Structure formats: structure tokens, C-alpha cells
N, C-alpha and C. Protein backbone atom coordinates (compact mmCIF):
# COMPACT_ATOMS: atom_id res chain seq x y z
N MET A 1 42.88 0.96 -5.57
CA MET A 1 44.11 0.95 -6.26
C MET A 1 44.91 -0.40 -5.86
N SER A 2 45.45 -0.99 -6.83
CA SER A 2 46.14 -2.24 -6.66
C SER A 2 47.36 -2.22 -5.88
N ARG A 3 47.61 -3.16 -5.12
CA ARG A 3 48.83 -3.24 -4.18
C ARG A 3 49.78 -4.12 -4.84
N ASN A 4 49.59 -4.48 -5.97
CA ASN A 4 50.44 -5.36 -6.73
C ASN A 4 51.89 -4.68 -6.97
N ARG A 5 53.01 -5.27 -6.65
CA ARG A 5 54.29 -4.73 -6.94
C ARG A 5 54.62 -4.36 -8.26
N ASP A 6 54.18 -5.21 -9.35
CA ASP A 6 54.31 -5.00 -10.63
C ASP A 6 53.69 -3.80 -11.14
N THR A 7 52.43 -3.51 -10.70
CA THR A 7 51.69 -2.29 -11.24
C THR A 7 51.84 -0.93 -10.38
N ALA A 8 52.59 -1.08 -9.33
CA ALA A 8 52.74 0.14 -8.57
C ALA A 8 53.62 1.14 -9.27
N PRO A 9 53.35 2.41 -9.04
CA PRO A 9 54.14 3.48 -9.65
C PRO A 9 55.63 3.45 -9.10
N ARG A 10 56.45 3.71 -9.89
CA ARG A 10 57.99 3.60 -9.70
C ARG A 10 58.73 4.87 -9.35
N ASN A 11 58.03 5.98 -9.69
CA ASN A 11 58.65 7.31 -9.40
C ASN A 11 57.60 8.42 -9.29
N VAL A 12 57.99 9.63 -8.89
CA VAL A 12 57.10 10.75 -8.60
C VAL A 12 56.35 10.88 -9.93
N GLN A 13 56.80 11.00 -11.04
CA GLN A 13 55.99 11.26 -12.27
C GLN A 13 54.89 10.22 -12.50
N GLN A 14 55.13 9.03 -12.22
CA GLN A 14 54.03 8.11 -12.35
C GLN A 14 52.93 8.22 -11.29
N VAL A 15 53.35 8.61 -10.09
CA VAL A 15 52.36 8.86 -9.18
C VAL A 15 51.46 10.11 -9.46
N TYR A 16 52.17 11.09 -9.91
CA TYR A 16 51.48 12.32 -10.36
C TYR A 16 50.48 12.00 -11.60
N ASN A 17 50.91 11.12 -12.56
CA ASN A 17 50.04 10.74 -13.66
C ASN A 17 48.90 9.94 -13.18
N ARG A 18 49.12 9.13 -12.33
CA ARG A 18 47.98 8.19 -11.70
C ARG A 18 46.99 9.13 -10.91
N LYS A 19 47.50 10.02 -10.14
CA LYS A 19 46.59 10.90 -9.41
C LYS A 19 45.79 11.74 -10.41
N LYS A 20 46.38 12.26 -11.40
CA LYS A 20 45.70 13.11 -12.35
C LYS A 20 44.64 12.28 -13.01
N GLY A 21 44.98 11.05 -13.51
CA GLY A 21 43.94 10.13 -14.05
C GLY A 21 42.75 9.90 -13.30
N LEU A 22 42.98 9.61 -11.89
CA LEU A 22 42.03 9.46 -11.01
C LEU A 22 41.07 10.75 -10.86
N ARG A 23 41.61 11.85 -10.89
CA ARG A 23 40.93 13.10 -10.75
C ARG A 23 40.05 13.34 -12.00
N SER A 24 40.56 12.95 -13.10
CA SER A 24 39.83 13.17 -14.42
C SER A 24 38.68 12.28 -14.63
N THR A 25 38.81 10.97 -14.22
CA THR A 25 37.63 10.01 -14.23
C THR A 25 36.63 10.42 -13.15
N LYS A 26 36.88 10.89 -11.97
CA LYS A 26 35.81 11.40 -11.06
C LYS A 26 35.16 12.63 -11.54
N GLY A 27 35.86 13.51 -12.16
CA GLY A 27 35.21 14.66 -12.73
C GLY A 27 34.42 14.61 -14.03
N SER A 28 34.66 13.42 -14.64
CA SER A 28 33.83 13.27 -15.88
C SER A 28 32.32 13.15 -15.61
N SER A 29 31.90 12.40 -14.52
CA SER A 29 30.49 12.36 -14.17
C SER A 29 29.91 13.76 -13.72
N ALA A 30 30.76 14.48 -13.05
CA ALA A 30 30.22 15.75 -12.47
C ALA A 30 30.02 16.69 -13.55
N LYS A 31 30.61 16.52 -14.85
CA LYS A 31 30.51 17.41 -15.90
C LYS A 31 29.30 17.41 -16.66
N ALA A 32 28.48 16.30 -16.35
CA ALA A 32 27.03 16.15 -16.93
C ALA A 32 26.20 17.26 -16.56
N ASN A 33 25.37 17.78 -17.34
CA ASN A 33 24.65 19.14 -17.19
C ASN A 33 23.21 18.54 -16.57
N LEU A 34 22.51 19.36 -16.08
CA LEU A 34 21.17 19.12 -15.59
C LEU A 34 20.21 18.49 -16.59
N ALA A 35 20.36 18.78 -17.76
CA ALA A 35 19.49 18.38 -18.87
C ALA A 35 19.65 16.86 -18.95
N ASP A 36 21.01 16.40 -18.93
CA ASP A 36 21.42 14.99 -19.11
C ASP A 36 20.68 14.43 -17.99
N GLU A 37 20.80 14.74 -16.77
CA GLU A 37 20.21 14.02 -15.56
C GLU A 37 18.76 13.93 -15.74
N VAL A 38 18.14 14.92 -16.10
CA VAL A 38 16.72 15.04 -16.28
C VAL A 38 16.29 13.96 -17.43
N GLN A 39 17.06 13.95 -18.42
CA GLN A 39 16.73 13.03 -19.60
C GLN A 39 16.89 11.43 -19.06
N VAL A 40 17.81 11.39 -18.18
CA VAL A 40 18.13 9.93 -17.73
C VAL A 40 16.89 9.48 -16.89
N VAL A 41 16.43 10.40 -15.88
CA VAL A 41 15.28 9.97 -15.08
C VAL A 41 14.00 9.82 -15.97
N LEU A 42 13.87 10.66 -16.89
CA LEU A 42 12.67 10.61 -17.70
C LEU A 42 12.52 9.38 -18.53
N SER A 43 13.77 8.84 -19.03
CA SER A 43 13.80 7.68 -19.59
C SER A 43 13.62 6.42 -18.72
N LEU A 44 14.01 6.50 -17.46
CA LEU A 44 13.70 5.49 -16.48
C LEU A 44 12.22 5.44 -16.21
N VAL A 45 11.48 6.41 -16.29
CA VAL A 45 10.05 6.43 -16.16
C VAL A 45 9.44 5.78 -17.38
N GLN A 46 9.91 6.02 -18.50
CA GLN A 46 9.39 5.22 -19.73
C GLN A 46 9.77 3.80 -19.68
N GLU A 47 10.98 3.32 -19.30
CA GLU A 47 11.43 2.02 -19.52
C GLU A 47 11.37 1.22 -18.31
N GLN A 48 11.50 1.66 -17.12
CA GLN A 48 11.58 0.82 -15.89
C GLN A 48 10.12 0.56 -15.38
N ASN A 49 9.75 -0.49 -15.05
CA ASN A 49 8.43 -0.72 -14.49
C ASN A 49 8.26 -0.15 -13.08
N ASN A 50 9.22 -0.07 -12.34
CA ASN A 50 8.98 0.42 -10.98
C ASN A 50 9.23 1.93 -10.68
N VAL A 51 9.79 2.60 -11.83
CA VAL A 51 9.83 4.12 -11.70
C VAL A 51 8.46 4.66 -12.13
N LYS A 52 7.63 5.11 -11.41
CA LYS A 52 6.30 5.56 -11.81
C LYS A 52 6.10 6.88 -12.30
N ALA A 53 6.68 7.90 -11.60
CA ALA A 53 6.60 9.29 -11.95
C ALA A 53 7.73 10.08 -11.63
N ALA A 54 7.93 11.21 -12.14
CA ALA A 54 8.94 12.20 -11.82
C ALA A 54 8.39 13.63 -11.93
N PHE A 55 8.66 14.41 -10.97
CA PHE A 55 8.09 15.87 -10.85
C PHE A 55 9.33 16.74 -10.96
N LEU A 56 9.18 17.81 -11.73
CA LEU A 56 10.20 18.86 -11.81
C LEU A 56 9.59 20.21 -11.65
N ASP A 57 9.97 20.88 -10.72
CA ASP A 57 9.58 22.32 -10.59
C ASP A 57 10.82 23.26 -10.95
N SER A 58 10.44 24.52 -11.34
CA SER A 58 11.68 25.41 -11.81
C SER A 58 12.72 25.56 -10.72
N ASP A 59 12.26 25.58 -9.54
CA ASP A 59 13.21 26.00 -8.36
C ASP A 59 13.67 24.93 -7.51
N LYS A 60 13.29 23.59 -7.81
CA LYS A 60 13.57 22.47 -6.98
C LYS A 60 13.99 21.29 -7.91
N PRO A 61 15.03 20.51 -7.25
CA PRO A 61 15.40 19.24 -7.94
C PRO A 61 14.21 18.35 -8.25
N MET A 62 14.45 17.40 -9.09
CA MET A 62 13.44 16.42 -9.50
C MET A 62 13.15 15.50 -8.36
N CYS A 63 11.97 15.18 -8.34
CA CYS A 63 11.48 14.15 -7.35
C CYS A 63 10.97 12.82 -8.07
N VAL A 64 11.16 11.79 -7.58
CA VAL A 64 10.91 10.44 -8.19
C VAL A 64 10.01 9.60 -7.31
N ILE A 65 9.06 9.03 -7.93
CA ILE A 65 8.04 8.05 -7.22
C ILE A 65 8.50 6.68 -7.70
N LEU A 66 8.80 5.68 -6.82
CA LEU A 66 9.22 4.29 -7.05
C LEU A 66 8.13 3.39 -6.49
N CYS A 67 7.48 2.64 -7.23
CA CYS A 67 6.53 1.58 -6.76
C CYS A 67 6.24 0.51 -7.87
N ASP A 68 5.73 -0.54 -7.37
CA ASP A 68 5.36 -1.69 -8.26
C ASP A 68 3.78 -1.61 -8.36
N ASP A 69 3.34 -2.21 -9.48
CA ASP A 69 1.77 -2.36 -9.53
C ASP A 69 1.25 -3.15 -8.43
N TRP A 70 2.06 -4.18 -7.95
CA TRP A 70 1.30 -5.05 -6.85
C TRP A 70 1.23 -4.09 -5.63
N GLN A 71 2.15 -3.24 -5.43
CA GLN A 71 1.97 -2.37 -4.23
C GLN A 71 0.80 -1.58 -4.16
N ILE A 72 0.37 -1.04 -5.30
CA ILE A 72 -0.80 -0.20 -5.39
C ILE A 72 -2.10 -1.03 -5.17
N ILE A 73 -2.03 -2.31 -5.87
CA ILE A 73 -3.11 -3.24 -5.63
C ILE A 73 -3.24 -3.60 -4.22
N ASP A 74 -2.19 -3.84 -3.52
CA ASP A 74 -2.24 -4.18 -2.00
C ASP A 74 -2.77 -3.07 -1.15
N LEU A 75 -2.30 -1.78 -1.50
CA LEU A 75 -2.76 -0.71 -0.76
C LEU A 75 -4.27 -0.65 -0.90
N LYS A 76 -4.80 -0.81 -2.18
CA LYS A 76 -6.18 -0.73 -2.34
C LYS A 76 -6.95 -1.81 -1.47
N ARG A 77 -6.29 -2.92 -1.49
CA ARG A 77 -6.98 -4.15 -0.85
C ARG A 77 -6.91 -4.01 0.73
N PHE A 78 -5.72 -3.61 1.32
CA PHE A 78 -5.49 -3.60 2.69
C PHE A 78 -5.80 -2.32 3.43
N CYS A 79 -5.78 -1.05 2.84
CA CYS A 79 -5.99 0.12 3.34
C CYS A 79 -7.39 0.61 3.09
N THR A 80 -8.35 -0.27 3.20
CA THR A 80 -9.81 0.08 3.11
C THR A 80 -10.59 -0.20 4.40
N LEU A 81 -11.84 0.21 4.47
CA LEU A 81 -12.60 -0.13 5.64
C LEU A 81 -12.83 -1.58 6.06
N MET A 82 -12.56 -2.43 5.12
CA MET A 82 -12.76 -3.96 5.28
C MET A 82 -11.49 -4.47 6.05
N HIS A 83 -10.31 -4.12 5.70
CA HIS A 83 -9.14 -4.58 6.34
C HIS A 83 -8.69 -3.54 7.43
N GLN A 84 -8.83 -2.28 7.23
CA GLN A 84 -8.48 -1.23 8.20
C GLN A 84 -6.99 -1.21 8.50
N SER A 85 -6.26 -1.42 7.48
CA SER A 85 -4.76 -1.13 7.83
C SER A 85 -4.46 0.28 7.45
N VAL A 86 -3.57 0.76 8.36
CA VAL A 86 -3.35 2.11 8.10
C VAL A 86 -1.96 2.34 7.21
N LEU A 87 -2.06 3.45 6.43
CA LEU A 87 -1.13 3.69 5.39
C LEU A 87 0.04 4.57 6.28
N GLY A 88 1.12 3.98 6.59
CA GLY A 88 2.14 4.82 7.19
C GLY A 88 3.09 5.62 6.19
N ILE A 89 3.39 6.79 6.67
CA ILE A 89 4.22 7.56 5.73
C ILE A 89 5.38 8.04 6.70
N ASP A 90 6.74 7.77 6.20
CA ASP A 90 7.79 8.09 7.07
C ASP A 90 9.00 8.61 6.33
N ARG A 91 9.41 9.76 6.59
CA ARG A 91 10.59 10.44 5.99
C ARG A 91 11.76 10.30 6.87
N THR A 92 12.36 9.09 7.30
CA THR A 92 13.53 9.00 8.08
C THR A 92 14.72 8.70 7.46
N PHE A 93 14.65 8.26 6.22
CA PHE A 93 15.86 7.92 5.56
C PHE A 93 16.57 9.00 4.76
N ASN A 94 17.85 9.22 4.91
CA ASN A 94 18.43 10.26 4.05
C ASN A 94 19.52 9.51 3.39
N LEU A 95 19.58 9.70 2.09
CA LEU A 95 20.91 9.21 1.33
C LEU A 95 21.49 10.45 0.83
N GLY A 96 22.40 11.06 1.73
CA GLY A 96 23.15 12.18 1.33
C GLY A 96 22.09 13.28 1.45
N LYS A 97 22.04 14.08 0.42
CA LYS A 97 21.10 15.18 0.33
C LYS A 97 19.68 14.76 -0.07
N CYS A 98 19.57 13.58 -0.41
CA CYS A 98 18.13 13.05 -0.76
C CYS A 98 17.34 12.39 0.35
N PHE A 99 16.11 12.84 0.53
CA PHE A 99 15.25 12.34 1.54
C PHE A 99 14.56 11.18 0.87
N VAL A 100 14.33 10.06 1.55
CA VAL A 100 13.49 8.92 0.97
C VAL A 100 12.43 8.71 1.93
N THR A 101 11.24 8.99 1.49
CA THR A 101 9.92 8.76 2.17
C THR A 101 9.37 7.65 1.75
N VAL A 102 9.08 6.59 2.77
CA VAL A 102 8.50 5.31 2.46
C VAL A 102 7.13 5.29 2.89
N THR A 103 6.30 4.53 2.32
CA THR A 103 4.97 4.27 2.87
C THR A 103 5.01 2.63 3.14
N THR A 104 4.28 2.42 4.38
CA THR A 104 3.99 0.99 4.74
C THR A 104 2.66 0.75 5.04
N TYR A 105 2.29 -0.45 4.99
CA TYR A 105 1.05 -1.02 5.38
C TYR A 105 1.03 -2.38 5.97
N LYS A 106 0.11 -2.78 6.79
CA LYS A 106 0.14 -4.08 7.39
C LYS A 106 -0.49 -5.04 6.35
N TYR A 107 0.18 -6.22 6.17
CA TYR A 107 -0.41 -7.12 5.37
C TYR A 107 -1.26 -8.15 6.14
N THR A 108 -2.57 -7.87 6.14
CA THR A 108 -3.47 -8.62 7.31
C THR A 108 -3.95 -9.90 6.92
N ASP A 109 -3.52 -10.50 5.60
CA ASP A 109 -3.84 -11.82 5.29
C ASP A 109 -2.66 -12.80 5.80
N ALA A 110 -1.62 -12.25 6.22
CA ALA A 110 -0.45 -13.19 6.65
C ALA A 110 -0.38 -13.02 8.22
N VAL A 111 -1.34 -13.67 8.92
CA VAL A 111 -1.25 -13.58 10.41
C VAL A 111 -0.65 -14.70 10.93
N HIS A 112 0.32 -14.56 11.88
CA HIS A 112 0.95 -15.76 12.47
C HIS A 112 0.47 -15.84 13.87
N ASN A 113 0.46 -17.02 14.47
CA ASN A 113 -0.11 -17.20 15.84
C ASN A 113 0.59 -16.29 16.80
N HIS A 114 1.88 -16.19 16.83
CA HIS A 114 2.63 -15.59 17.79
C HIS A 114 3.13 -14.11 17.55
N THR A 115 2.86 -13.61 16.37
CA THR A 115 3.22 -12.12 16.04
C THR A 115 2.01 -11.51 15.39
N SER A 116 2.21 -10.24 15.19
CA SER A 116 1.18 -9.44 14.53
C SER A 116 1.45 -9.58 13.06
N GLU A 117 0.61 -8.87 12.35
CA GLU A 117 0.72 -8.89 10.82
C GLU A 117 2.01 -8.22 10.44
N PRO A 118 2.65 -8.82 9.37
CA PRO A 118 3.85 -8.16 8.94
C PRO A 118 3.51 -6.96 8.24
N VAL A 119 4.66 -6.01 8.24
CA VAL A 119 4.58 -4.75 7.62
C VAL A 119 5.15 -4.74 6.17
N PHE A 120 4.47 -4.27 5.22
CA PHE A 120 5.06 -4.30 3.91
C PHE A 120 5.47 -2.85 3.45
N LEU A 121 6.33 -2.74 2.54
CA LEU A 121 6.81 -1.61 1.97
C LEU A 121 5.85 -1.16 0.79
N GLY A 122 5.33 0.07 0.76
CA GLY A 122 4.58 0.48 -0.26
C GLY A 122 5.49 1.53 -1.15
N PRO A 123 4.75 2.35 -1.86
CA PRO A 123 5.19 3.29 -2.73
C PRO A 123 6.50 4.12 -1.98
N THR A 124 7.55 4.52 -2.65
CA THR A 124 8.68 5.15 -2.09
C THR A 124 8.85 6.52 -2.91
N TYR A 125 9.29 7.64 -2.22
CA TYR A 125 9.40 8.89 -2.74
C TYR A 125 10.65 9.41 -2.52
N LEU A 126 11.52 9.73 -3.66
CA LEU A 126 12.87 10.36 -3.49
C LEU A 126 12.61 11.81 -3.78
N HIS A 127 13.16 12.63 -2.80
CA HIS A 127 12.99 14.11 -2.99
C HIS A 127 14.17 14.83 -2.21
N TRP A 128 14.26 16.15 -2.40
CA TRP A 128 15.54 16.81 -1.94
C TRP A 128 14.95 18.03 -1.05
N ASN A 129 13.78 18.11 -0.79
CA ASN A 129 13.44 19.07 0.28
C ASN A 129 11.97 18.57 0.86
N ALA A 130 11.62 19.28 2.01
CA ALA A 130 10.49 18.76 2.67
C ALA A 130 9.31 19.80 2.69
N THR A 131 9.08 20.47 1.49
CA THR A 131 8.12 21.47 1.39
C THR A 131 6.74 20.74 1.30
N VAL A 132 5.59 21.46 1.46
CA VAL A 132 4.18 21.13 1.36
C VAL A 132 4.02 20.67 -0.01
N SER A 133 4.57 21.51 -1.02
CA SER A 133 4.30 21.22 -2.50
C SER A 133 5.02 20.06 -2.98
N THR A 134 6.14 19.65 -2.37
CA THR A 134 6.78 18.39 -2.72
C THR A 134 6.03 17.20 -2.29
N TYR A 135 5.43 17.26 -1.06
CA TYR A 135 4.73 16.08 -0.52
C TYR A 135 3.31 15.92 -1.32
N ALA A 136 2.80 17.26 -1.70
CA ALA A 136 1.50 17.28 -2.36
C ALA A 136 1.68 16.51 -3.70
N ASN A 137 2.85 16.51 -4.37
CA ASN A 137 2.92 15.80 -5.49
C ASN A 137 2.84 14.40 -5.38
N PHE A 138 3.41 13.70 -4.29
CA PHE A 138 3.42 12.34 -3.90
C PHE A 138 2.11 12.07 -3.56
N LEU A 139 1.51 12.74 -2.52
CA LEU A 139 0.23 12.34 -1.93
C LEU A 139 -0.97 12.41 -3.11
N ASN A 140 -0.89 13.32 -4.01
CA ASN A 140 -1.86 13.43 -5.08
C ASN A 140 -1.68 12.31 -6.02
N HIS A 141 -0.45 11.90 -6.31
CA HIS A 141 -0.22 10.69 -7.22
C HIS A 141 -0.73 9.53 -6.49
N LEU A 142 -0.53 9.23 -5.23
CA LEU A 142 -1.16 8.12 -4.51
C LEU A 142 -2.72 8.21 -4.50
N HIS A 143 -3.17 9.37 -4.33
CA HIS A 143 -4.60 9.56 -4.27
C HIS A 143 -5.24 9.19 -5.57
N VAL A 144 -4.66 9.51 -6.69
CA VAL A 144 -5.16 9.16 -8.05
C VAL A 144 -5.04 7.71 -8.37
N LYS A 145 -4.00 7.16 -7.92
CA LYS A 145 -3.71 5.67 -8.24
C LYS A 145 -4.71 4.76 -7.36
N LEU A 146 -4.88 5.19 -6.09
CA LEU A 146 -5.84 4.46 -5.17
C LEU A 146 -7.29 4.78 -5.46
N ALA A 147 -7.61 5.98 -6.02
CA ALA A 147 -9.12 6.27 -6.33
C ALA A 147 -9.49 5.53 -7.47
N CYS A 148 -8.63 5.04 -8.58
CA CYS A 148 -8.99 4.29 -9.51
C CYS A 148 -9.70 3.10 -9.16
N ASP A 149 -10.81 2.79 -9.85
CA ASP A 149 -11.70 1.60 -9.54
C ASP A 149 -12.38 1.67 -8.09
N LEU A 150 -12.26 2.75 -7.48
CA LEU A 150 -12.97 2.90 -6.24
C LEU A 150 -14.02 4.04 -6.31
N ASP A 151 -15.10 3.90 -5.54
CA ASP A 151 -16.07 4.99 -5.62
C ASP A 151 -15.73 5.98 -4.50
N ILE A 152 -14.79 6.94 -4.90
CA ILE A 152 -14.60 8.05 -4.02
C ILE A 152 -14.90 9.26 -4.54
């Protein structure tokens, strides 16, 4: 809200009108239904390069996988027997009700004399519960992407 004397409300009615206007603008985004939200996420999967997949079960909110193509290429490159980097999976980040599960790996080509290999961010998973089926969607997606062009 502006603290400018010229735009400040001058009486109780103007305060009431401004408060009502703020409530109506906040409520307009909450009036969007589930179908609209699903459509937005599905359009992101089609249009954005880093939104790779979305999963929707009948009894759970939609889950989304975020990654870039170079992250999958690096995972194939560094998480193999030759480089032996470990794929780390960690669900320590919460964005409100949303869980953010990140994967990490060591970038073994960039070794510094005084430190160990840097840790890079891999594919990221946005989800709203921690059930086995929720993680199965993410891990199966990673398995399919990593198994391409490999003899597994």
C-alpha cells in the first residue's frame, strides 16, 4: 500500500472500499478451479523445456518433474561405473504444503586441488505427499530417461 499523502484514504468509506478491493483481488486467484490449474501445468509440460512431466492420480495433487536435458546427460555420464558418482536424493525442502525433492551428483571432471568435486543439482520433483507411489513415479521416470542409450 502506498504511503503517499495524496493517495491515502481520507475517510472511513474510502478505507472500507480499499479493503474490499484488496479482498476481491486476492480471492480472484483462489476462485480458479482444479481443471484450470491442471491445464496450466499440462501446458507448461508442452511449452517449457525444463518441465518434463506431470503425474496426476485421482486422490492426490499433481506432481511435476523439473529438469533440463543436460542434467540427464550428466547423470548418464557421471553416475556410471566409470565415474562412480552417487546419485543423491533428498526431500528436505518444503515450499508450504509442497515438498521439493532434489537429486544431486558429483561433477568429477571439475576437480580442484584444494577441494573435492563440486556437487551439481539434478532433476527436481515437486509433490504434495511422501507415499511410495508418489516417489515411484519420479524414480521410474528417471530410470527410463537414464536407461535410454544404455544397455540395462
